[in-house]
Amino acid sequence: MDIEIAPDAVPGTTPDSHADPLDFDTCFRDWFASVARTAALVSRDPVAGPDLAQEAFTRVLPRWAGLGTEDHARNLIFRTAINLARSHARRARLASAATLHLIDRRTENEGGVGATTDWLDIANALGTVSVRQRECVVLADYVDLDAATIGRMLGMREGTVRVHLMRGRRALRAHLSLPDRPEQEDLR
């Protein structure tokens, strides 16, 4: 039987002095799908996304109590997942030059993010830009993070993130034969 003590019942505390601890389970449920999709897009492997996300959460769990803020925890989870996705992509390239061509043979039933034709088009297009551009575009356009947060997450200046976003988006539009947008939209 769990008994909770009201914050004002503990001597020397007030209701405002008790900050809710960062709940790992809640964060896992809220962020897992987004982390998995990000890892899948960065690694260009839809099947690996959930495994990479799970590994990222597993690696961060021992440090969880010391993370403090939700932003810090989220940034560390995404950064860890991106680093794992980079390593996965590097190993996959070494194992086979045709890794992405094998993906379209996999099905969503194998536990992946879903290797649909649209997903493969996006993954192929993301493969034409640099790794940093890919990471910035996925975090900005899929996860909907701002340039400052992405910069903190990836260890680069906000201006550098904006340059990667502008160049990456421009290259992706060209590769996917999409119309150009005003440059200001690429810099958000």
Protein backbone atom coordinates (compact mmCIF):
# COMPACT_ATOMS: atom_id res chain seq x y z
CA MET A 1 0.00 0.00 0.00
CA ASP A 2 1.49 3.33 -1.12
CA ILE A 3 0.99 6.27 1.19
CA GLU A 4 1.70 9.75 -0.08
CA ILE A 5 2.48 12.57 2.28
CA ALA A 6 1.18 15.97 1.28
CA PRO A 7 4.09 18.41 0.65
CA ASP A 8 2.88 20.80 3.34
CA ALA A 9 2.80 17.96 5.89
CA VAL A 10 6.58 17.58 5.77
CA PRO A 11 8.25 20.02 8.20
CA GLY A 12 10.23 22.76 6.48
CA THR A 13 8.62 22.36 3.06
CA THR A 14 5.95 24.15 1.12
CA PRO A 15 3.90 22.86 -1.78
CA ASP A 16 6.17 24.81 -4.15
CA SER A 17 9.42 23.34 -2.79
CA HIS A 18 8.68 19.83 -4.10
CA ALA A 19 9.44 19.56 -7.80
CA ASP A 20 8.03 16.52 -9.49
CA PRO A 21 10.87 14.17 -10.29
CA LEU A 22 11.40 13.48 -13.96
CA ASP A 23 9.49 10.27 -14.64
CA PHE A 24 11.39 7.91 -16.94
CA ASP A 25 8.32 5.83 -17.83
CA THR A 26 6.30 8.86 -18.88
CA CYS A 27 9.15 10.27 -20.95
CA PHE A 28 9.73 6.88 -22.56
CA ARG A 29 6.06 6.59 -23.57
CA ASP A 30 5.92 10.21 -24.80
CA TRP A 31 9.19 10.24 -26.74
CA PHE A 32 9.82 6.67 -27.91
CA ALA A 33 8.04 6.87 -31.29
CA SER A 34 9.70 10.17 -32.16
CA VAL A 35 13.15 8.96 -31.08
CA ALA A 36 12.68 5.72 -33.08
CA ARG A 37 11.61 7.61 -36.20
CA THR A 38 14.52 10.04 -35.84
CA ALA A 39 17.00 7.17 -35.47
CA ALA A 40 15.47 5.39 -38.45
CA LEU A 41 15.71 8.47 -40.67
CA VAL A 42 19.27 9.33 -39.61
CA SER A 43 20.44 5.73 -40.05
CA ARG A 44 18.28 5.30 -43.19
CA ASP A 45 17.06 1.95 -41.81
CA PRO A 46 13.38 1.77 -40.79
CA VAL A 47 13.78 -1.59 -39.08
CA ALA A 48 16.61 -0.38 -36.83
CA GLY A 49 14.77 2.70 -35.51
CA PRO A 50 12.97 1.06 -32.56
CA ASP A 51 16.08 -0.88 -31.53
CA LEU A 52 18.23 2.24 -31.65
CA ALA A 53 15.65 4.18 -29.63
CA GLN A 54 15.46 1.42 -27.03
CA GLU A 55 19.26 1.34 -26.81
CA ALA A 56 19.35 5.13 -26.36
CA PHE A 57 16.89 5.00 -23.47
CA THR A 58 18.79 2.07 -21.94
CA ARG A 59 22.08 3.97 -22.06
CA VAL A 60 20.60 7.10 -20.52
CA LEU A 61 18.65 5.31 -17.75
CA PRO A 62 21.60 4.97 -15.30
CA ARG A 63 22.08 8.76 -15.45
CA TRP A 64 18.36 9.60 -15.31
CA ALA A 65 18.17 10.75 -11.68
CA GLY A 66 20.85 13.39 -12.28
CA LEU A 67 19.41 14.88 -15.46
CA GLY A 68 17.23 17.44 -13.75
CA THR A 69 15.09 19.02 -16.46
CA GLU A 70 12.90 17.49 -19.09
CA ASP A 71 14.73 19.45 -21.80
CA HIS A 72 18.08 18.07 -20.67
CA ALA A 73 16.71 14.51 -20.63
CA ARG A 74 15.08 14.89 -24.07
CA ASN A 75 18.23 16.37 -25.57
CA LEU A 76 20.39 13.57 -24.17
CA ILE A 77 18.00 10.85 -25.42
CA PHE A 78 17.89 12.29 -28.94
CA ARG A 79 21.64 12.92 -29.04
CA THR A 80 22.32 9.35 -27.88
CA ALA A 81 19.90 7.96 -30.49
CA ILE A 82 21.51 10.02 -33.25
CA ASN A 83 24.98 8.84 -32.25
CA LEU A 84 23.77 5.25 -32.27
CA ALA A 85 22.12 5.83 -35.68
CA ARG A 86 25.39 7.19 -37.06
CA SER A 87 27.26 4.11 -35.85
CA HIS A 88 24.57 1.83 -37.24
CA ALA A 89 24.70 3.54 -40.64
CA ARG A 90 28.48 3.37 -40.70
CA ARG A 91 28.43 -0.36 -39.92
CA ALA A 92 25.73 -0.94 -42.52
CA ARG A 93 27.74 0.88 -45.20
CA LEU A 94 30.73 -1.24 -44.39
CA ALA A 95 28.68 -4.44 -44.47
CA SER A 96 27.01 -3.72 -47.78
CA ALA A 97 26.97 -0.95 -50.33
CA ALA A 98 23.38 -1.87 -51.13
CA THR A 99 21.92 -1.58 -47.62
CA LEU A 100 19.10 0.76 -48.60
CA HIS A 101 18.05 -1.47 -51.50
CA LEU A 102 17.53 -4.30 -49.03
CA ILE A 103 15.23 -2.17 -46.89
CA ASP A 104 12.40 -2.17 -49.42
CA ARG A 105 12.25 -5.95 -49.10
CA ARG A 106 11.53 -5.66 -45.39
CA THR A 107 8.01 -5.21 -44.20
CA GLU A 108 6.48 -3.23 -41.42
CA ASN A 109 5.60 -6.55 -39.76
CA GLU A 110 9.27 -7.06 -38.96
CA GLY A 111 9.02 -4.38 -36.31
CA GLY A 112 10.35 -1.46 -38.30
CA VAL A 113 9.08 2.04 -38.70
CA GLY A 114 7.58 1.10 -42.04
CA ALA A 115 9.48 0.88 -45.31
CA THR A 116 6.82 2.41 -47.51
CA THR A 117 7.65 3.85 -50.91
CA ASP A 118 7.38 7.38 -49.49
CA TRP A 119 9.70 6.44 -46.63
CA LEU A 120 12.24 5.04 -49.06
CA ASP A 121 12.04 8.19 -51.20
CA ILE A 122 12.72 10.32 -48.14
CA ALA A 123 15.50 7.99 -46.91
CA ASN A 124 17.12 8.04 -50.36
CA ALA A 125 16.87 11.83 -50.48
CA LEU A 126 18.34 12.12 -46.97
CA GLY A 127 21.21 9.94 -48.16
CA THR A 128 22.19 12.64 -50.65
CA VAL A 129 22.93 15.25 -47.97
CA SER A 130 25.70 15.32 -45.38
CA VAL A 131 25.22 13.55 -42.07
CA ARG A 132 24.99 16.87 -40.18
CA GLN A 133 22.44 18.23 -42.67
CA ARG A 134 20.43 15.03 -42.32
CA GLU A 135 20.46 15.21 -38.52
CA CYS A 136 19.46 18.89 -38.49
CA VAL A 137 16.65 18.44 -41.03
CA VAL A 138 15.20 15.40 -39.25
CA LEU A 139 15.30 17.10 -35.84
CA ALA A 140 13.81 20.34 -37.19
CA ASP A 141 11.23 19.02 -39.62
CA TYR A 142 10.21 15.74 -38.02
CA VAL A 143 10.79 16.27 -34.30
CA ASP A 144 9.91 19.99 -34.65
CA LEU A 145 12.82 21.30 -32.59
CA ASP A 146 14.16 24.82 -33.00
CA ALA A 147 17.70 25.59 -34.17
CA ALA A 148 18.90 26.55 -30.68
CA THR A 149 17.76 23.23 -29.19
CA ILE A 150 19.25 21.27 -32.08
CA GLY A 151 22.52 23.14 -31.60
CA ARG A 152 22.67 22.22 -27.91
CA MET A 153 21.72 18.65 -28.73
CA LEU A 154 24.36 18.17 -31.43
CA GLY A 155 27.04 20.40 -29.93
CA MET A 156 27.09 23.11 -32.58
CA ARG A 157 26.22 26.78 -32.80
CA GLU A 158 22.69 27.84 -33.69
CA GLY A 159 23.96 29.61 -36.82
CA THR A 160 25.68 26.43 -37.97
CA VAL A 161 22.42 24.52 -37.49
CA ARG A 162 20.59 27.10 -39.61
CA VAL A 163 23.18 26.76 -42.39
CA HIS A 164 22.84 22.96 -42.34
CA LEU A 165 19.04 23.31 -42.43
CA MET A 166 19.12 25.73 -45.36
CA ARG A 167 21.54 23.63 -47.41
CA GLY A 168 19.94 20.32 -46.49
CA ARG A 169 16.41 21.47 -47.27
CA ARG A 170 17.52 22.99 -50.55
CA ALA A 171 19.28 19.75 -51.59
CA LEU A 172 16.28 17.65 -50.54
CA ARG A 173 13.86 19.80 -52.53
CA ALA A 174 16.10 19.47 -55.58
CA HIS A 175 16.42 15.71 -55.15
CA LEU A 176 12.66 15.26 -54.65
CA SER A 177 11.82 17.76 -57.45
CA LEU A 178 9.88 20.03 -55.09
CA PRO A 179 9.47 23.76 -55.75
CA ASP A 180 11.85 26.20 -54.06
CA ARG A 181 10.68 28.12 -51.01
CA PRO A 182 11.78 31.55 -49.83
CA GLU A 183 15.15 31.32 -48.09
CA GLN A 184 13.69 32.73 -44.84
CA GLU A 185 11.58 29.59 -44.42
CA ASP A 186 14.72 27.44 -44.59
CA LEU A 187 16.36 29.40 -41.79
CA ARG A 188 13.74 28.82 -39.08
